[in-house]
Protein backbone atom coordinates (compact mmCIF):
# COMPACT_ATOMS: atom_id res chain seq x y z
CA MET A 1 75.32 19.09 68.49
CA LYS A 2 75.78 16.16 70.84
CA LYS A 3 76.16 18.51 73.81
CA THR A 4 72.90 20.27 72.89
CA ILE A 5 71.01 16.97 72.75
CA VAL A 6 72.40 15.94 76.15
CA LEU A 7 71.37 19.29 77.63
CA LEU A 8 67.81 18.97 76.27
CA PHE A 9 67.57 15.42 77.56
CA THR A 10 68.72 16.53 81.03
CA THR A 11 66.14 19.33 81.06
CA LEU A 12 63.37 16.92 80.13
CA LEU A 13 64.44 14.58 82.91
CA SER A 14 64.32 17.50 85.35
CA LEU A 15 60.79 18.47 84.29
CA THR A 16 59.64 14.86 84.56
CA ALA A 17 61.06 14.66 88.08
CA PHE A 18 59.15 17.75 89.12
CA ALA A 19 55.95 16.30 87.64
CA GLN A 20 56.44 13.17 89.67
CA GLU A 21 57.11 15.21 92.82
CA ILE A 22 53.85 17.12 92.60
CA THR A 23 51.70 13.99 92.53
CA GLY A 24 50.64 12.40 95.79
CA THR A 25 49.08 13.56 99.04
CA TRP A 26 49.86 17.05 100.31
CA ASN A 27 49.01 18.09 103.87
CA GLY A 28 48.65 21.51 105.45
CA ILE A 29 47.16 23.38 108.39
CA LEU A 30 44.80 26.26 107.61
CA LYS A 31 44.73 28.87 110.40
CA VAL A 32 41.54 30.94 110.41
CA GLN A 33 40.70 33.31 113.28
CA GLY A 34 42.42 31.13 115.85
CA THR A 35 41.03 27.87 114.45
CA GLN A 36 43.36 25.27 112.92
CA LEU A 37 41.94 23.08 110.17
CA LYS A 38 43.73 20.23 108.41
CA ILE A 39 43.56 20.44 104.61
CA VAL A 40 44.63 17.62 102.29
CA PHE A 41 45.14 17.81 98.52
CA ASN A 42 45.37 14.51 96.60
CA ILE A 43 47.06 15.05 93.22
CA SER A 44 47.37 12.44 90.48
CA LYS A 45 48.77 12.43 86.95
CA THR A 46 46.46 12.08 83.94
CA ASP A 47 47.06 11.73 80.19
CA THR A 48 46.45 15.46 79.74
CA GLY A 49 47.91 16.85 82.94
CA PHE A 50 46.79 16.49 86.54
CA SER A 51 43.61 15.90 88.54
CA SER A 52 43.06 16.35 92.25
CA THR A 53 40.64 16.26 95.16
CA MET A 54 40.54 18.05 98.49
CA ASP A 55 39.82 16.66 101.98
CA SER A 56 38.87 18.50 105.16
CA PRO A 57 38.96 15.55 107.60
CA GLU A 58 37.67 17.40 110.67
CA GLN A 59 34.65 18.62 108.71
CA LYS A 60 34.17 15.07 107.42
CA ALA A 61 34.45 16.38 103.85
CA ILE A 62 36.41 13.85 101.81
CA GLY A 63 37.11 13.73 98.08
CA ILE A 64 35.88 17.21 97.13
CA PRO A 65 36.50 17.42 93.36
CA ILE A 66 38.93 20.14 92.27
CA THR A 67 37.89 21.55 88.92
CA THR A 68 41.27 22.84 87.74
CA THR A 69 44.74 21.52 88.56
CA THR A 70 47.85 22.90 86.88
CA PHE A 71 51.55 22.67 87.66
CA GLU A 72 53.86 24.85 85.58
CA ASN A 73 57.21 26.45 86.41
CA ASN A 74 57.07 24.85 89.86
CA THR A 75 53.76 26.65 90.57
CA LEU A 76 50.73 24.63 91.64
CA LYS A 77 47.30 26.13 90.95
CA LEU A 78 44.03 24.58 92.13
CA ALA A 79 40.50 25.90 91.72
CA VAL A 80 37.00 24.96 92.89
CA PRO A 81 34.77 27.70 91.39
CA MET A 82 31.59 26.29 92.96
CA GLY A 83 33.02 26.92 96.43
CA SER A 84 34.90 30.10 95.45
CA ILE A 85 38.05 28.21 96.51
CA SER A 86 41.48 28.47 94.97
CA TYR A 87 45.05 27.67 95.93
CA GLU A 88 48.38 28.78 94.50
CA GLY A 89 51.77 27.72 95.78
CA VAL A 90 55.38 27.29 94.71
CA LEU A 91 57.26 24.01 95.09
CA GLY A 92 60.62 24.69 96.71
CA ASN A 93 63.92 22.82 96.66
CA ASP A 94 63.08 21.37 100.07
CA GLY A 95 60.14 19.48 98.54
CA ASN A 96 57.49 21.63 100.30
CA ILE A 97 54.98 24.07 98.80
CA VAL A 98 54.60 27.64 100.04
CA GLY A 99 51.34 29.28 99.04
CA ASN A 100 47.97 30.86 99.78
CA PHE A 101 44.46 29.46 100.14
CA LYS A 102 41.59 31.68 99.00
CA GLN A 103 37.88 31.31 99.66
CA GLY A 104 35.71 34.28 98.81
CA ALA A 105 37.29 37.34 100.42
CA LEU A 106 39.60 35.25 102.60
CA ASN A 107 43.25 34.98 101.61
CA ILE A 108 45.18 32.80 104.05
CA PRO A 109 48.74 31.41 103.96
CA LEU A 110 48.75 27.61 103.54
CA ASN A 111 51.99 25.66 103.19
CA LEU A 112 51.92 22.03 102.12
CA THR A 113 54.14 19.03 102.79
CA LYS A 114 54.01 15.34 101.98
CA GLY A 115 54.96 14.61 105.56
CA ILE A 116 52.77 14.48 108.66
CA VAL A 117 51.51 17.86 109.87
CA GLU A 118 50.52 18.62 113.43
CA LYS A 119 48.41 21.45 114.73
CA GLU A 120 50.22 24.10 116.70
CA LYS A 121 49.44 23.63 120.36
CA ILE A 122 47.86 26.81 121.71
CA VAL A 123 48.38 27.42 125.41
CA ARG A 124 46.34 30.24 126.92
CA PRO A 125 47.59 31.83 130.15
CA GLN A 126 44.46 30.87 132.12
CA ASP A 127 44.46 27.20 131.10
CA PRO A 128 44.86 25.13 134.30
CA ILE A 129 47.90 22.87 134.50
CA LYS A 130 47.80 19.35 135.89
CA PRO A 131 47.99 18.04 138.53
CA TYR A 132 44.86 19.82 139.73
CA PRO A 133 44.40 20.45 143.48
CA TYR A 134 41.01 18.72 143.33
CA TYR A 135 39.38 15.47 142.20
CA SER A 136 38.51 15.08 138.50
CA GLU A 137 36.59 12.16 137.01
CA ASP A 138 35.48 11.40 133.47
CA VAL A 139 31.86 10.23 133.60
CA THR A 140 29.01 9.11 131.37
CA PHE A 141 25.27 9.43 131.87
CA VAL A 142 22.18 8.48 129.90
CA ASN A 143 19.50 10.68 128.40
CA SER A 144 16.81 8.00 128.38
CA SER A 145 14.27 10.17 126.54
CA ALA A 146 16.67 10.50 123.59
CA GLY A 147 18.24 7.07 123.98
CA ILE A 148 21.80 8.43 124.02
CA THR A 149 24.78 8.35 126.34
CA LEU A 150 26.58 11.61 127.10
CA ALA A 151 30.15 11.97 128.32
CA GLY A 152 31.68 14.64 130.51
CA THR A 153 33.92 15.52 133.42
CA LEU A 154 32.88 15.90 137.03
CA THR A 155 35.26 17.90 139.22
CA LEU A 156 34.93 17.82 143.03
CA PRO A 157 36.83 19.94 145.59
CA SER A 158 37.98 16.60 147.05
CA LYS A 159 37.18 12.94 146.40
CA GLU A 160 35.15 12.60 149.59
CA GLY A 161 32.55 15.06 150.86
CA ASN A 162 29.19 16.57 150.08
CA PHE A 163 29.34 19.57 147.75
CA PRO A 164 27.12 22.07 145.94
CA VAL A 165 27.38 21.60 142.18
CA VAL A 166 26.88 23.49 138.93
CA VAL A 167 26.12 21.94 135.52
CA LEU A 168 27.71 23.96 132.70
CA ILE A 169 25.53 24.18 129.56
CA SER A 170 27.26 25.29 126.36
CA GLY A 171 26.23 27.88 123.79
CA SER A 172 25.05 27.30 120.23
CA GLY A 173 26.98 25.16 117.79
CA PRO A 174 28.74 21.84 118.38
CA GLN A 175 30.76 22.21 121.60
CA ASN A 176 32.90 19.86 123.62
CA ARG A 177 32.90 19.81 127.42
CA ASP A 178 35.37 22.72 127.56
CA GLU A 179 33.21 24.80 125.19
CA GLU A 180 36.41 25.01 123.14
CA LEU A 181 36.49 27.87 120.65
CA LEU A 182 39.35 29.58 118.80
CA GLY A 183 41.98 28.08 121.06
CA HIS A 184 40.08 29.04 124.22
CA LYS A 185 38.51 26.63 126.74
CA PRO A 186 36.16 28.83 128.80
CA PHE A 187 34.34 25.97 130.55
CA LEU A 188 37.63 24.38 131.59
CA VAL A 189 38.80 27.69 133.05
CA LEU A 190 35.47 28.38 134.79
CA SER A 191 35.13 24.85 136.18
CA ASP A 192 38.70 24.99 137.49
CA TYR A 193 38.02 28.30 139.24
CA LEU A 194 34.75 27.18 140.82
CA THR A 195 36.08 23.80 141.94
CA ARG A 196 39.16 25.39 143.55
CA ASN A 197 36.68 27.48 145.53
CA GLY A 198 34.51 24.65 146.83
CA ILE A 199 31.92 24.22 144.05
CA ALA A 200 31.69 20.90 142.16
CA VAL A 201 31.18 21.19 138.40
CA LEU A 202 29.82 18.85 135.72
CA ARG A 203 30.58 19.80 132.14
CA TYR A 204 29.84 17.54 129.18
CA ASP A 205 30.30 17.13 125.42
CA ASP A 206 27.26 18.10 123.36
CA ARG A 207 25.39 15.15 121.84
CA GLY A 208 27.30 13.75 118.88
CA ILE A 209 30.44 15.67 119.85
CA GLY A 210 33.60 14.34 121.51
CA GLU A 211 32.74 11.19 123.43
CA SER A 212 28.98 11.84 123.58
CA LYS A 213 26.62 9.81 121.38
CA GLY A 214 23.69 11.06 119.34
CA ASP A 215 23.16 13.37 116.36
CA PHE A 216 23.90 17.04 116.98
CA LYS A 217 22.73 18.28 113.56
CA SER A 218 19.13 17.16 114.06
CA GLY A 219 18.85 18.58 117.59
CA THR A 220 17.01 21.71 118.70
CA THR A 221 17.22 23.81 121.86
CA ALA A 222 14.41 21.70 123.32
CA ASP A 223 16.38 18.51 122.62
CA PHE A 224 19.52 19.92 124.22
CA ALA A 225 17.45 20.82 127.28
CA THR A 226 16.76 17.11 127.79
CA ASP A 227 20.53 16.50 127.78
CA ALA A 228 21.02 19.06 130.54
CA SER A 229 18.14 17.54 132.50
CA ALA A 230 19.83 14.14 132.20
CA ALA A 231 22.98 15.69 133.68
CA VAL A 232 20.97 16.83 136.69
CA ALA A 233 19.44 13.37 137.07
CA TYR A 234 22.92 11.86 137.02
CA LEU A 235 24.13 14.18 139.79
CA GLN A 236 21.21 13.02 141.93
CA THR A 237 22.83 9.57 141.95
CA ARG A 238 26.16 10.84 143.32
CA LYS A 239 26.67 10.73 147.10
CA GLU A 240 29.29 13.51 146.88
CA ILE A 241 26.64 15.99 145.68
CA ASN A 242 24.43 18.03 148.00
CA GLN A 243 21.03 17.24 146.53
CA LYS A 244 19.56 20.55 147.68
CA LYS A 245 22.26 22.61 146.00
CA ILE A 246 22.28 21.59 142.34
CA GLY A 247 22.50 24.56 139.98
CA LEU A 248 22.83 25.29 136.26
CA ALA A 249 25.08 27.80 134.51
CA GLY A 250 24.31 28.24 130.81
CA HIS A 251 26.25 30.34 128.33
CA SER A 252 24.39 31.99 125.45
CA GLU A 253 21.99 29.28 124.17
CA GLY A 254 22.82 27.44 127.39
CA GLY A 255 21.25 30.43 129.16
CA THR A 256 18.10 29.78 127.13
CA ILE A 257 18.18 26.10 128.09
CA ALA A 258 18.69 26.60 131.85
CA PRO A 259 15.20 28.07 132.54
CA ILE A 260 13.57 25.25 130.53
CA VAL A 261 15.34 22.65 132.70
CA ALA A 262 14.64 24.53 135.93
CA ASN A 263 10.91 24.48 135.19
CA SER A 264 10.85 20.75 134.42
CA ASN A 265 13.15 19.58 137.21
CA LYS A 266 12.51 20.59 140.82
CA ALA A 267 16.01 19.46 141.77
CA VAL A 268 17.43 22.66 140.22
CA ALA A 269 18.09 25.06 143.10
CA PHE A 270 19.45 28.05 141.14
CA ILE A 271 20.45 29.13 137.63
CA VAL A 272 23.12 31.41 136.18
CA LEU A 273 22.52 32.96 132.76
CA LEU A 274 25.87 33.83 131.16
CA ALA A 275 24.90 36.09 128.24
CA GLY A 276 21.57 34.26 128.21
CA THR A 277 18.73 35.41 125.99
CA GLY A 278 15.51 37.10 127.01
CA LEU A 279 14.31 38.14 123.56
CA PRO A 280 12.81 35.96 120.78
CA GLY A 281 15.31 34.28 118.48
CA ASP A 282 14.47 36.31 115.37
CA THR A 283 14.92 39.56 117.30
CA ILE A 284 18.28 38.38 118.67
CA LEU A 285 19.56 37.50 115.18
CA LEU A 286 18.54 40.86 113.71
CA LEU A 287 20.10 42.86 116.54
CA GLN A 288 23.24 40.71 116.45
CA LYS A 289 23.70 41.15 112.71
CA ALA A 290 23.35 44.93 112.87
CA LEU A 291 25.74 45.32 115.83
CA ILE A 292 28.47 43.16 114.29
CA GLU A 293 28.17 44.85 110.90
CA ARG A 294 28.47 48.31 112.46
CA ALA A 295 31.58 47.19 114.34
CA GLU A 296 33.02 46.00 111.01
CA GLY A 297 32.31 49.29 109.26
CA VAL A 298 29.41 48.22 107.03
CA SER A 299 27.41 51.21 105.76
CA GLU A 300 24.09 52.00 107.43
CA LYS A 301 22.33 51.64 104.08
CA GLU A 302 23.61 48.09 103.63
CA ILE A 303 22.76 47.25 107.24
CA GLN A 304 19.16 48.38 106.85
CA GLU A 305 18.79 46.52 103.55
CA GLY A 306 20.06 43.37 105.23
CA GLN A 307 17.69 43.87 108.16
CA ALA A 308 14.69 44.11 105.84
CA GLN A 309 15.77 41.05 103.84
CA ASN A 310 16.39 38.89 106.93
CA LYS A 311 13.21 40.01 108.69
CA GLY A 312 11.21 38.95 105.64
CA ALA A 313 12.89 35.54 105.65
CA PHE A 314 12.42 35.10 109.42
CA ASP A 315 8.72 35.93 109.09
CA ILE A 316 8.40 33.15 106.51
CA VAL A 317 10.14 30.72 108.89
CA LYS A 318 7.79 31.66 111.74
CA LYS A 319 4.72 30.95 109.58
CA ALA A 320 6.00 27.68 108.08
CA LYS A 321 4.18 24.45 108.93
CA THR A 322 6.55 22.01 107.21
CA THR A 323 10.19 22.11 106.18
CA GLU A 324 9.39 21.28 102.56
CA GLN A 325 6.93 24.15 102.31
CA LEU A 326 9.47 26.44 103.99
CA LYS A 327 12.09 25.57 101.35
CA THR A 328 9.62 26.40 98.60
CA ASP A 329 8.51 29.69 100.19
CA LEU A 330 12.08 30.83 100.86
CA THR A 331 13.16 29.98 97.30
CA ILE A 332 10.32 32.10 95.90
CA TYR A 333 11.12 34.90 98.37
CA TYR A 334 14.77 35.15 97.36
CA GLN A 335 14.05 34.72 93.64
CA ASN A 336 11.65 37.68 93.74
CA MET A 337 14.18 40.01 95.33
CA PRO A 338 15.47 42.86 93.10
CA LYS A 339 18.41 41.82 90.91
CA ASP A 340 21.48 43.95 90.14
CA SER A 341 21.85 43.95 86.35
CA ASN A 342 25.43 45.28 86.62
CA LYS A 343 26.74 42.09 88.22
CA THR A 344 29.03 39.81 86.26
CA GLU A 345 28.09 36.20 85.58
CA ALA A 346 30.56 35.10 88.25
CA GLN A 347 28.98 37.47 90.79
CA LYS A 348 25.51 36.23 89.88
CA ALA A 349 26.64 32.61 90.33
CA ALA A 350 28.16 33.50 93.71
CA GLY A 351 24.88 35.15 94.70
CA GLU A 352 22.93 32.01 93.78
CA ARG A 353 25.26 29.90 95.91
CA GLU A 354 24.80 32.31 98.80
CA ILE A 355 21.01 32.04 98.53
CA LYS A 356 21.18 28.23 98.55
CA GLU A 357 23.36 28.34 101.65
CA MET A 358 20.97 30.77 103.34
CA ILE A 359 17.98 28.52 102.60
CA SER A 360 19.89 25.54 103.93
CA GLN A 361 20.63 27.39 107.18
CA LEU A 362 17.09 28.68 107.64
CA THR A 363 15.53 25.25 107.10
CA ASN A 364 17.87 23.57 109.60
CA PRO A 365 15.80 22.16 112.54
CA TRP A 366 17.81 24.09 115.13
CA MET A 367 17.47 27.41 113.31
CA GLN A 368 13.73 27.01 112.73
CA TYR A 369 13.22 26.36 116.44
CA PHE A 370 15.53 29.20 117.50
CA ILE A 371 13.82 31.79 115.28
CA LYS A 372 10.37 30.82 116.59
CA TYR A 373 11.27 30.41 120.26
CA ASP A 374 10.64 33.13 122.87
CA PRO A 375 12.70 32.55 126.06
CA ALA A 376 10.15 34.56 128.03
CA THR A 377 7.79 31.58 127.97
CA ALA A 378 10.17 29.66 130.24
CA LEU A 379 11.49 32.61 132.24
CA GLU A 380 7.97 33.60 133.27
CA LYS A 381 7.70 30.31 135.20
CA VAL A 382 11.09 30.27 136.94
CA LYS A 383 10.83 30.37 140.74
CA CYS A 384 14.41 29.57 141.82
CA PRO A 385 17.14 32.23 142.32
CA VAL A 386 18.56 33.63 139.06
CA LEU A 387 21.77 35.46 138.22
CA ALA A 388 21.83 37.04 134.75
CA ILE A 389 25.24 38.39 133.84
CA ASN A 390 26.32 40.05 130.59
CA GLY A 391 29.30 41.83 129.12
CA ALA A 392 28.60 45.44 128.16
CA LYS A 393 30.33 44.98 124.78
CA ASP A 394 28.52 41.78 123.82
CA LEU A 395 27.54 42.07 120.15
CA GLN A 396 25.99 38.62 119.85
CA VAL A 397 23.43 38.85 122.67
CA PRO A 398 22.81 42.60 123.08
CA PRO A 399 23.16 43.05 126.86
CA THR A 400 20.89 45.97 127.71
CA GLU A 401 17.89 44.70 125.74
CA ASN A 402 18.24 41.11 126.96
CA LEU A 403 18.78 41.90 130.62
CA ALA A 404 15.68 44.11 130.51
CA ALA A 405 13.66 41.32 128.86
CA ILE A 406 14.91 38.75 131.41
CA LYS A 407 13.97 41.00 134.34
CA THR A 408 10.52 41.64 132.87
CA ALA A 409 9.83 37.95 132.32
CA LEU A 410 11.01 36.97 135.83
CA ALA A 411 8.86 39.71 137.31
CA LYS A 412 5.86 38.03 135.71
CA ALA A 413 6.90 34.87 137.57
CA LYS A 414 6.88 37.01 140.76
CA ASN A 415 10.45 35.88 141.28
CA LYS A 416 12.13 38.29 143.70
CA LYS A 417 15.38 36.31 143.91
CA VAL A 418 16.85 37.87 140.77
CA THR A 419 20.25 39.50 140.32
CA THR A 420 21.41 41.11 137.07
CA LYS A 421 24.94 42.32 136.35
CA LEU A 422 26.30 44.28 133.41
CA ILE A 423 30.11 44.16 133.46
CA PRO A 424 31.99 46.85 131.50
CA ASN A 425 34.37 46.03 128.62
CA LEU A 426 33.45 42.33 128.32
CA ASN A 427 32.40 40.63 125.09
CA HIS A 428 30.03 37.72 124.47
CA VAL A 429 32.53 35.13 125.71
CA PHE A 430 33.41 37.23 128.79
CA GLN A 431 36.82 38.43 127.67
CA GLU A 432 38.09 41.93 128.40
CA CYS A 433 38.02 43.46 124.92
CA THR A 434 38.26 46.58 122.79
CA THR A 435 35.26 46.50 120.44
CA GLY A 436 33.37 43.30 121.33
CA SER A 437 33.60 42.03 117.75
CA PRO A 438 33.87 38.23 117.33
CA ASN A 439 36.95 38.95 115.19
CA GLU A 440 38.81 39.78 118.41
CA TYR A 441 38.09 36.52 120.26
CA ALA A 442 41.07 34.56 118.94
CA ASP A 443 43.59 37.37 119.41
CA ILE A 444 42.69 38.05 123.05
CA GLN A 445 44.84 35.90 125.33
CA GLN A 446 42.41 36.07 128.25
CA THR A 447 39.85 33.25 128.18
CA PHE A 448 37.43 34.32 130.93
CA SER A 449 37.40 37.58 132.86
CA PRO A 450 38.38 37.07 136.53
CA THR A 451 35.85 39.80 137.41
CA ALA A 452 33.05 37.82 135.80
CA MET A 453 34.13 34.53 137.40
CA LYS A 454 34.31 36.17 140.82
CA ALA A 455 30.81 37.60 140.40
CA VAL A 456 29.46 34.15 139.52
CA LEU A 457 31.28 32.43 142.39
CA GLU A 458 30.22 34.93 145.05
CA TRP A 459 26.58 34.73 143.96
CA ILE A 460 26.63 30.90 143.99
CA GLN A 461 28.24 30.91 147.43
CA VAL A 462 25.34 32.98 148.74
CA GLN A 463 22.81 30.54 147.24
CA THR A 464 24.57 27.47 148.65
CA LYS A 465 25.26 28.59 152.24
């Protein structure tokens, strides 16, 4: 009998030890489509079990309440039904947890440790390696109209001289000076290539990103155009820059911004539109959605239903006078859509969350402006030389339709210094690709097609002779 009591006591001690081990701060790296995101779970003991919260430091989301926390048979289970998030992992003898993170349809491995975790350093084959054979300087400049200071990097073929220059303008979303995305740094690669070939380059962090000041979330395309204009004004103060040979190269939304800046600043001598837009924002979004869904195998019926639903929402955005009224109109619009009576309560709840997220996106200042804006209004006034270059497999800015729209608008400006190029097998970020789907971006090792970079360089060289 005594032996049995000792054995039970030992077992209880073992279970208590495990309970103590599971409490505390657990760290992990979530890898999603080439992006690495730090995730932190904070677990504490309660009278009835455990409670926990989740942090996503890089998204500035701290203390997200976790609804359910259980730890039984060395298995940790966490759930946040409101975000369709769950985690399940097994605590091993090494003191680490091996498991999976789920959010919606995503199911991603996520291992946890109480120690410090570091992101895996991704090195792409085209990333330049220091020391560079040119002069590189971190700089700041002021956008006086917005009252903010922006930070970037100016690269010059050599420290002394007088050089033509290109300002790189990033695409949509918060971007740093390298336009870093999914482990790729396209602006770093492009600036390195151009500078090695005699062209100075200024690239900068978007407002509120990296070392730049300001608020990115409240900005629109028009606001970001004032940032690019401030970059041009800064270059006019540099003795190393040929003041008659200042150009802009904008990618995606940056290609929408470049014509706006060129029309407001006579110092701009030429512009390059890298997958720039020529069609209105709502048209771009509808075409983009259909192309990507077809590439992902979505049925034509579902695609057309989605097109009708989004077009109706975009029409409401275009008519809206105030954001508050827009929220009301969109809420009514989505509430009046046909309901599927066969859905479970969980599916209905997920649908409601999706609608709230959609309304939040559509009422965002940037999105309202983008949907309403027609790039032709600026393109029709551009007088300087223009290169518009697109990848033939671009699914985000449909190349054929946009190049045609850009040519038409520039013709109205009676601009005869226009060159358009459609390069086979390139996607939206100018990688050589298979399908063009954004799902491929992270897996492709190439950052920027040498063919595309050569086309840009040779055209700029002609403009800056």
